[in-house]
Amino acid sequence: VGATVLLVPLAINIALQIPGANPAVFALTVAIATSNSFLIPTHQVNALIMGPGGYRVPDFMRAGGIMTVLFLVVMMVMMGIVFD
């Protein structure tokens, strides 16, 4: 939430400087991208299962790397479909 609150106004200001850019697309891209927390155990749920599950940061990096790439590909395709 903190990253979203900090970066959305910045993204909107950048969009306003680009002729023809839609600020909503920039804001939504930031909002969706900041929810991508698969790579390290920064999300509460990931941190909660880390100890009892015996997971280590490299475990999250291995599984999260694949999820992050998949997330970014799907996000970019869907943003192109919705806002094209």
PDB file of N, CA and C in Angstrom:
ATOM      1  N   VAL A   1       0.831  -1.187   0.000  1.00  0.00           N
ATOM      2  CA  VAL A   1       0.000   0.000   0.000  1.00  0.00           C
ATOM      3  C   VAL A   1       0.875   1.250   0.000  1.00  0.00           C
ATOM      4  N   GLY A   2       1.941   1.237   0.785  1.00  0.00           N
ATOM      5  CA  GLY A   2       2.812   2.403   0.868  1.00  0.00           C
ATOM      6  C   GLY A   2       3.447   2.756  -0.462  1.00  0.00           C
ATOM      7  N   ALA A   3       3.918   1.746  -1.182  1.00  0.00           N
ATOM      8  CA  ALA A   3       4.538   2.000  -2.488  1.00  0.00           C
ATOM      9  C   ALA A   3       3.516   2.552  -3.475  1.00  0.00           C
ATOM     10  N   THR A   4       2.301   2.041  -3.408  1.00  0.00           N
ATOM     11  CA  THR A   4       1.249   2.517  -4.304  1.00  0.00           C
ATOM     12  C   THR A   4       0.923   3.976  -4.025  1.00  0.00           C
ATOM     13  N   VAL A   5       0.761   4.309  -2.749  1.00  0.00           N
ATOM     14  CA  VAL A   5       0.445   5.689  -2.364  1.00  0.00           C
ATOM     15  C   VAL A   5       1.552   6.644  -2.800  1.00  0.00           C
ATOM     16  N   LEU A   6       2.771   6.191  -2.734  1.00  0.00           N
ATOM     17  CA  LEU A   6       3.908   7.032  -3.110  1.00  0.00           C
ATOM     18  C   LEU A   6       4.064   7.160  -4.628  1.00  0.00           C
ATOM     19  N   LEU A   7       3.853   6.079  -5.362  1.00  0.00           N
ATOM     20  CA  LEU A   7       4.167   6.063  -6.790  1.00  0.00           C
ATOM     21  C   LEU A   7       3.023   6.481  -7.718  1.00  0.00           C
ATOM     22  N   VAL A   8       1.761   6.336  -7.292  1.00  0.00           N
ATOM     23  CA  VAL A   8       0.646   6.702  -8.173  1.00  0.00           C
ATOM     24  C   VAL A   8       0.668   8.195  -8.528  1.00  0.00           C
ATOM     25  N   PRO A   9       0.840   9.104  -7.565  1.00  0.00           N
ATOM     26  CA  PRO A   9       0.917  10.523  -7.966  1.00  0.00           C
ATOM     27  C   PRO A   9       2.077  10.807  -8.926  1.00  0.00           C
ATOM     28  N   LEU A  10       3.185  10.138  -8.729  1.00  0.00           N
ATOM     29  CA  LEU A  10       4.324  10.307  -9.631  1.00  0.00           C
ATOM     30  C   LEU A  10       3.969   9.828 -11.039  1.00  0.00           C
ATOM     31  N   ALA A  11       3.318   8.683 -11.125  1.00  0.00           N
ATOM     32  CA  ALA A  11       2.919   8.140 -12.427  1.00  0.00           C
ATOM     33  C   ALA A  11       1.916   9.059 -13.118  1.00  0.00           C
ATOM     34  N   ILE A  12       0.990   9.625 -12.357  1.00  0.00           N
ATOM     35  CA  ILE A  12       0.009  10.544 -12.942  1.00  0.00           C
ATOM     36  C   ILE A  12       0.704  11.800 -13.462  1.00  0.00           C
ATOM     37  N   ASN A  13       1.642  12.332 -12.698  1.00  0.00           N
ATOM     38  CA  ASN A  13       2.384  13.516 -13.156  1.00  0.00           C
ATOM     39  C   ASN A  13       3.183  13.229 -14.419  1.00  0.00           C
ATOM     40  N   ILE A  14       3.766  12.049 -14.500  1.00  0.00           N
ATOM     41  CA  ILE A  14       4.494  11.669 -15.716  1.00  0.00           C
ATOM     42  C   ILE A  14       3.530  11.579 -16.892  1.00  0.00           C
ATOM     43  N   ALA A  15       2.361  10.977 -16.673  1.00  0.00           N
ATOM     44  CA  ALA A  15       1.371  10.840 -17.742  1.00  0.00           C
ATOM     45  C   ALA A  15       0.888  12.199 -18.229  1.00  0.00           C
ATOM     46  N   LEU A  16       0.754  13.144 -17.328  1.00  0.00           N
ATOM     47  CA  LEU A  16       0.294  14.476 -17.719  1.00  0.00           C
ATOM     48  C   LEU A  16       1.322  15.217 -18.568  1.00  0.00           C
ATOM     49  N   GLN A  17       2.575  14.820 -18.484  1.00  0.00           N
ATOM     50  CA  GLN A  17       3.632  15.448 -19.284  1.00  0.00           C
ATOM     51  C   GLN A  17       3.728  14.860 -20.690  1.00  0.00           C
ATOM     52  N   ILE A  18       3.072  13.722 -20.913  1.00  0.00           N
ATOM     53  CA  ILE A  18       3.126  13.050 -22.213  1.00  0.00           C
ATOM     54  C   ILE A  18       1.833  13.352 -22.966  1.00  0.00           C
ATOM     55  N   PRO A  19       1.922  14.020 -24.115  1.00  0.00           N
ATOM     56  CA  PRO A  19       0.708  14.340 -24.871  1.00  0.00           C
ATOM     57  C   PRO A  19      -0.061  13.077 -25.271  1.00  0.00           C
ATOM     58  N   GLY A  20      -1.345  13.068 -24.970  1.00  0.00           N
ATOM     59  CA  GLY A  20      -2.205  11.950 -25.342  1.00  0.00           C
ATOM     60  C   GLY A  20      -2.173  10.764 -24.400  1.00  0.00           C
ATOM     61  N   ALA A  21      -1.370  10.826 -23.346  1.00  0.00           N
ATOM     62  CA  ALA A  21      -1.289   9.706 -22.398  1.00  0.00           C
ATOM     63  C   ALA A  21      -2.478   9.745 -21.446  1.00  0.00           C
ATOM     64  N   ASN A  22      -2.955   8.580 -21.087  1.00  0.00           N
ATOM     65  CA  ASN A  22      -4.077   8.461 -20.165  1.00  0.00           C
ATOM     66  C   ASN A  22      -3.536   8.262 -18.747  1.00  0.00           C
ATOM     67  N   PRO A  23      -3.742   9.220 -17.844  1.00  0.00           N
ATOM     68  CA  PRO A  23      -3.232   9.078 -16.479  1.00  0.00           C
ATOM     69  C   PRO A  23      -3.795   7.858 -15.750  1.00  0.00           C
ATOM     70  N   ALA A  24      -5.011   7.451 -16.093  1.00  0.00           N
ATOM     71  CA  ALA A  24      -5.613   6.278 -15.447  1.00  0.00           C
ATOM     72  C   ALA A  24      -4.820   5.016 -15.760  1.00  0.00           C
ATOM     73  N   VAL A  25      -4.316   4.909 -16.974  1.00  0.00           N
ATOM     74  CA  VAL A  25      -3.513   3.744 -17.359  1.00  0.00           C
ATOM     75  C   VAL A  25      -2.225   3.709 -16.549  1.00  0.00           C
ATOM     76  N   PHE A  26      -1.586   4.850 -16.396  1.00  0.00           N
ATOM     77  CA  PHE A  26      -0.345   4.919 -15.624  1.00  0.00           C
ATOM     78  C   PHE A  26      -0.607   4.559 -14.166  1.00  0.00           C
ATOM     79  N   ALA A  27      -1.683   5.117 -13.593  1.00  0.00           N
ATOM     80  CA  ALA A  27      -2.008   4.845 -12.191  1.00  0.00           C
ATOM     81  C   ALA A  27      -2.357   3.375 -11.983  1.00  0.00           C
ATOM     82  N   LEU A  28      -3.139   2.804 -12.885  1.00  0.00           N
ATOM     83  CA  LEU A  28      -3.519   1.400 -12.760  1.00  0.00           C
ATOM     84  C   LEU A  28      -2.316   0.483 -12.931  1.00  0.00           C
ATOM     85  N   THR A  29      -1.425   0.821 -13.826  1.00  0.00           N
ATOM     86  CA  THR A  29      -0.213   0.023 -14.009  1.00  0.00           C
ATOM     87  C   THR A  29       0.615  -0.008 -12.733  1.00  0.00           C
ATOM     88  N   VAL A  30       0.770   1.136 -12.097  1.00  0.00           N
ATOM     89  CA  VAL A  30       1.515   1.193 -10.834  1.00  0.00           C
ATOM     90  C   VAL A  30       0.790   0.397  -9.754  1.00  0.00           C
ATOM     91  N   ALA A  31      -0.525   0.561  -9.658  1.00  0.00           N
ATOM     92  CA  ALA A  31      -1.291  -0.137  -8.625  1.00  0.00           C
ATOM     93  C   ALA A  31      -1.192  -1.650  -8.781  1.00  0.00           C
ATOM     94  N   ILE A  32      -1.279  -2.131 -10.004  1.00  0.00           N
ATOM     95  CA  ILE A  32      -1.183  -3.573 -10.238  1.00  0.00           C
ATOM     96  C   ILE A  32       0.248  -4.060 -10.017  1.00  0.00           C
ATOM     97  N   ALA A  33       1.209  -3.312 -10.505  1.00  0.00           N
ATOM     98  CA  ALA A  33       2.606  -3.730 -10.384  1.00  0.00           C
ATOM     99  C   ALA A  33       3.070  -3.782  -8.933  1.00  0.00           C
ATOM    100  N   THR A  34       2.575  -2.880  -8.095  1.00  0.00           N
ATOM    101  CA  THR A  34       3.006  -2.894  -6.698  1.00  0.00           C
ATOM    102  C   THR A  34       2.396  -4.052  -5.913  1.00  0.00           C
ATOM    103  N   SER A  35       1.408  -4.712  -6.491  1.00  0.00           N
ATOM    104  CA  SER A  35       0.855  -5.889  -5.812  1.00  0.00           C
ATOM    105  C   SER A  35       1.654  -7.150  -6.131  1.00  0.00           C
ATOM    106  N   ASN A  36       2.684  -7.036  -6.940  1.00  0.00           N
ATOM    107  CA  ASN A  36       3.522  -8.165  -7.341  1.00  0.00           C
ATOM    108  C   ASN A  36       4.596  -8.404  -6.277  1.00  0.00           C
ATOM    109  N   SER A  37       4.254  -9.195  -5.280  1.00  0.00           N
ATOM    110  CA  SER A  37       5.210  -9.437  -4.184  1.00  0.00           C
ATOM    111  C   SER A  37       5.507 -10.928  -4.038  1.00  0.00           C
ATOM    112  N   PHE A  38       5.858 -11.555  -5.148  1.00  0.00           N
ATOM    113  CA  PHE A  38       6.125 -12.991  -5.118  1.00  0.00           C
ATOM    114  C   PHE A  38       7.595 -13.313  -4.885  1.00  0.00           C
ATOM    115  N   LEU A  39       8.484 -12.358  -5.122  1.00  0.00           N
ATOM    116  CA  LEU A  39       9.910 -12.642  -5.167  1.00  0.00           C
ATOM    117  C   LEU A  39      10.554 -12.799  -3.794  1.00  0.00           C
ATOM    118  N   ILE A  40      10.152 -11.994  -2.842  1.00  0.00           N
ATOM    119  CA  ILE A  40      10.707 -12.088  -1.487  1.00  0.00           C
ATOM    120  C   ILE A  40       9.561 -12.077  -0.481  1.00  0.00           C
ATOM    121  N   PRO A  41       9.787 -12.589   0.710  1.00  0.00           N
ATOM    122  CA  PRO A  41       8.690 -12.699   1.686  1.00  0.00           C
ATOM    123  C   PRO A  41       8.356 -11.375   2.369  1.00  0.00           C
ATOM    124  N   THR A  42       7.952 -10.379   1.585  1.00  0.00           N
ATOM    125  CA  THR A  42       7.581  -9.094   2.168  1.00  0.00           C
ATOM    126  C   THR A  42       6.100  -9.003   2.481  1.00  0.00           C
ATOM    127  N   HIS A  43       5.289  -9.804   1.819  1.00  0.00           N
ATOM    128  CA  HIS A  43       3.855  -9.801   2.107  1.00  0.00           C
ATOM    129  C   HIS A  43       3.607 -10.541   3.414  1.00  0.00           C
ATOM    130  N   GLN A  44       2.577 -10.141   4.135  1.00  0.00           N
ATOM    131  CA  GLN A  44       2.292 -10.727   5.441  1.00  0.00           C
ATOM    132  C   GLN A  44       2.077 -12.235   5.370  1.00  0.00           C
ATOM    133  N   VAL A  45       1.363 -12.684   4.360  1.00  0.00           N
ATOM    134  CA  VAL A  45       1.084 -14.120   4.241  1.00  0.00           C
ATOM    135  C   VAL A  45       2.377 -14.893   3.983  1.00  0.00           C
ATOM    136  N   ASN A  46       3.224 -14.376   3.112  1.00  0.00           N
ATOM    137  CA  ASN A  46       4.498 -15.045   2.832  1.00  0.00           C
ATOM    138  C   ASN A  46       5.366 -15.097   4.080  1.00  0.00           C
ATOM    139  N   ALA A  47       5.432 -14.003   4.807  1.00  0.00           N
ATOM    140  CA  ALA A  47       6.237 -13.968   6.029  1.00  0.00           C
ATOM    141  C   ALA A  47       5.660 -14.903   7.090  1.00  0.00           C
ATOM    142  N   LEU A  48       4.337 -15.023   7.124  1.00  0.00           N
ATOM    143  CA  LEU A  48       3.680 -15.876   8.111  1.00  0.00           C
ATOM    144  C   LEU A  48       4.000 -17.352   7.895  1.00  0.00           C
ATOM    145  N   ILE A  49       4.057 -17.801   6.649  1.00  0.00           N
ATOM    146  CA  ILE A  49       4.322 -19.222   6.391  1.00  0.00           C
ATOM    147  C   ILE A  49       5.803 -19.548   6.305  1.00  0.00           C
ATOM    148  N   MET A  50       6.643 -18.532   6.272  1.00  0.00           N
ATOM    149  CA  MET A  50       8.076 -18.765   6.112  1.00  0.00           C
ATOM    150  C   MET A  50       8.653 -19.594   7.255  1.00  0.00           C
ATOM    151  N   GLY A  51       8.369 -19.224   8.483  1.00  0.00           N
ATOM    152  CA  GLY A  51       8.916 -19.929   9.647  1.00  0.00           C
ATOM    153  C   GLY A  51       8.385 -21.344   9.791  1.00  0.00           C
ATOM    154  N   PRO A  52       7.047 -21.509   9.924  1.00  0.00           N
ATOM    155  CA  PRO A  52       6.501 -22.862  10.110  1.00  0.00           C
ATOM    156  C   PRO A  52       6.755 -23.790   8.926  1.00  0.00           C
ATOM    157  N   GLY A  53       6.822 -23.238   7.718  1.00  0.00           N
ATOM    158  CA  GLY A  53       7.048 -24.069   6.533  1.00  0.00           C
ATOM    159  C   GLY A  53       8.507 -24.401   6.304  1.00  0.00           C
ATOM    160  N   GLY A  54       9.393 -23.740   7.029  1.00  0.00           N
ATOM    161  CA  GLY A  54      10.819 -23.982   6.860  1.00  0.00           C
ATOM    162  C   GLY A  54      11.376 -23.414   5.565  1.00  0.00           C
ATOM    163  N   TYR A  55      10.690 -22.413   5.009  1.00  0.00           N
ATOM    164  CA  TYR A  55      11.145 -21.813   3.759  1.00  0.00           C
ATOM    165  C   TYR A  55      12.256 -20.807   4.026  1.00  0.00           C
ATOM    166  N   ARG A  56      13.109 -20.631   3.036  1.00  0.00           N
ATOM    167  CA  ARG A  56      14.179 -19.639   3.096  1.00  0.00           C
ATOM    168  C   ARG A  56      13.985 -18.670   1.931  1.00  0.00           C
ATOM    169  N   VAL A  57      14.689 -17.568   1.958  1.00  0.00           N
ATOM    170  CA  VAL A  57      14.562 -16.569   0.890  1.00  0.00           C
ATOM    171  C   VAL A  57      14.870 -17.172  -0.484  1.00  0.00           C
ATOM    172  N   PRO A  58      15.898 -18.028  -0.644  1.00  0.00           N
ATOM    173  CA  PRO A  58      16.124 -18.633  -1.972  1.00  0.00           C
ATOM    174  C   PRO A  58      14.924 -19.448  -2.480  1.00  0.00           C
ATOM    175  N   ASP A  59      14.151 -20.052  -1.573  1.00  0.00           N
ATOM    176  CA  ASP A  59      12.945 -20.772  -1.993  1.00  0.00           C
ATOM    177  C   ASP A  59      11.940 -19.812  -2.620  1.00  0.00           C
ATOM    178  N   PHE A  60      11.778 -18.654  -1.982  1.00  0.00           N
ATOM    179  CA  PHE A  60      10.876 -17.645  -2.526  1.00  0.00           C
ATOM    180  C   PHE A  60      11.402 -17.106  -3.856  1.00  0.00           C
ATOM    181  N   MET A  61      12.712 -16.946  -3.972  1.00  0.00           N
ATOM    182  CA  MET A  61      13.306 -16.435  -5.207  1.00  0.00           C
ATOM    183  C   MET A  61      13.080 -17.418  -6.360  1.00  0.00           C
ATOM    184  N   ARG A  62      13.206 -18.699  -6.078  1.00  0.00           N
ATOM    185  CA  ARG A  62      13.030 -19.722  -7.108  1.00  0.00           C
ATOM    186  C   ARG A  62      11.582 -19.730  -7.608  1.00  0.00           C
ATOM    187  N   ALA A  63      10.641 -19.855  -6.707  1.00  0.00           N
ATOM    188  CA  ALA A  63       9.232 -19.904  -7.098  1.00  0.00           C
ATOM    189  C   ALA A  63       8.731 -18.526  -7.523  1.00  0.00           C
ATOM    190  N   GLY A  64       9.180 -17.492  -6.822  1.00  0.00           N
ATOM    191  CA  GLY A  64       8.711 -16.142  -7.103  1.00  0.00           C
ATOM    192  C   GLY A  64       9.206 -15.584  -8.415  1.00  0.00           C
ATOM    193  N   GLY A  65      10.377 -16.009  -8.869  1.00  0.00           N
ATOM    194  CA  GLY A  65      10.895 -15.535 -10.154  1.00  0.00           C
ATOM    195  C   GLY A  65       9.978 -15.922 -11.298  1.00  0.00           C
ATOM    196  N   ILE A  66       9.527 -17.160 -11.275  1.00  0.00           N
ATOM    197  CA  ILE A  66       8.602 -17.644 -12.307  1.00  0.00           C
ATOM    198  C   ILE A  66       7.280 -16.897 -12.217  1.00  0.00           C
ATOM    199  N   MET A  67       6.754 -16.753 -11.001  1.00  0.00           N
ATOM    200  CA  MET A  67       5.487 -16.055 -10.808  1.00  0.00           C
ATOM    201  C   MET A  67       5.585 -14.587 -11.220  1.00  0.00           C
ATOM    202  N   THR A  68       6.705 -13.953 -10.942  1.00  0.00           N
ATOM    203  CA  THR A  68       6.880 -12.545 -11.291  1.00  0.00           C
ATOM    204  C   THR A  68       6.884 -12.355 -12.802  1.00  0.00           C
ATOM    205  N   VAL A  69       7.601 -13.196 -13.520  1.00  0.00           N
ATOM    206  CA  VAL A  69       7.625 -13.100 -14.984  1.00  0.00           C
ATOM    207  C   VAL A  69       6.234 -13.356 -15.549  1.00  0.00           C
ATOM    208  N   LEU A  70       5.554 -14.380 -15.061  1.00  0.00           N
ATOM    209  CA  LEU A  70       4.199 -14.683 -15.513  1.00  0.00           C
ATOM    210  C   LEU A  70       3.257 -13.520 -15.220  1.00  0.00           C
ATOM    211  N   PHE A  71       3.355 -12.964 -14.027  1.00  0.00           N
ATOM    212  CA  PHE A  71       2.523 -11.832 -13.622  1.00  0.00           C
ATOM    213  C   PHE A  71       2.734 -10.643 -14.561  1.00  0.00           C
ATOM    214  N   LEU A  72       3.988 -10.319 -14.847  1.00  0.00           N
ATOM    215  CA  LEU A  72       4.275  -9.168 -15.704  1.00  0.00           C
ATOM    216  C   LEU A  72       3.782  -9.374 -17.130  1.00  0.00           C
ATOM    217  N   VAL A  73       3.938 -10.578 -17.666  1.00  0.00           N
ATOM    218  CA  VAL A  73       3.465 -10.858 -19.021  1.00  0.00           C
ATOM    219  C   VAL A  73       1.947 -10.731 -19.091  1.00  0.00           C
ATOM    220  N   VAL A  74       1.249 -11.359 -18.150  1.00  0.00           N
ATOM    221  CA  VAL A  74      -0.216 -11.290 -18.139  1.00  0.00           C
ATOM    222  C   VAL A  74      -0.681  -9.852 -17.932  1.00  0.00           C
ATOM    223  N   MET A  75      -0.031  -9.121 -17.030  1.00  0.00           N
ATOM    224  CA  MET A  75      -0.416  -7.735 -16.770  1.00  0.00           C
ATOM    225  C   MET A  75      -0.261  -6.880 -18.025  1.00  0.00           C
ATOM    226  N   MET A  76       0.855  -7.008 -18.715  1.00  0.00           N
ATOM    227  CA  MET A  76       1.082  -6.189 -19.905  1.00  0.00           C
ATOM    228  C   MET A  76       0.106  -6.545 -21.028  1.00  0.00           C
ATOM    229  N   VAL A  77      -0.169  -7.828 -21.212  1.00  0.00           N
ATOM    230  CA  VAL A  77      -1.125  -8.245 -22.240  1.00  0.00           C
ATOM    231  C   VAL A  77      -2.515  -7.712 -21.916  1.00  0.00           C
ATOM    232  N   MET A  78      -2.943  -7.873 -20.672  1.00  0.00           N
ATOM    233  CA  MET A  78      -4.281  -7.421 -20.289  1.00  0.00           C
ATOM    234  C   MET A  78      -4.411  -5.900 -20.337  1.00  0.00           C
ATOM    235  N   MET A  79      -3.376  -5.182 -19.933  1.00  0.00           N
ATOM    236  CA  MET A  79      -3.429  -3.715 -20.019  1.00  0.00           C
ATOM    237  C   MET A  79      -3.536  -3.282 -21.479  1.00  0.00           C
ATOM    238  N   GLY A  80      -2.848  -3.992 -22.364  1.00  0.00           N
ATOM    239  CA  GLY A  80      -2.947  -3.693 -23.790  1.00  0.00           C
ATOM    240  C   GLY A  80      -4.339  -3.968 -24.341  1.00  0.00           C
ATOM    241  N   ILE A  81      -4.958  -5.046 -23.892  1.00  0.00           N
ATOM    242  CA  ILE A  81      -6.304  -5.394 -24.353  1.00  0.00           C
ATOM    243  C   ILE A  81      -7.334  -4.409 -23.818  1.00  0.00           C
ATOM    244  N   VAL A  82      -7.270  -4.110 -22.540  1.00  0.00           N
ATOM    245  CA  VAL A  82      -8.277  -3.253 -21.909  1.00  0.00           C
ATOM    246  C   VAL A  82      -8.169  -1.803 -22.384  1.00  0.00           C
ATOM    247  N   PHE A  83      -6.961  -1.285 -22.501  1.00  0.00           N
ATOM    248  CA  PHE A  83      -6.793   0.134 -22.801  1.00  0.00           C
ATOM    249  C   PHE A  83      -6.359   0.424 -24.233  1.00  0.00           C
ATOM    250  N   ASP A  84      -6.537  -0.519 -25.122  1.00  0.00           N
ATOM    251  CA  ASP A  84      -6.152  -0.284 -26.512  1.00  0.00           C
ATOM    252  C   ASP A  84      -7.311   0.169 -27.343  1.00  0.00           C
TER     253      ASP A  84
END
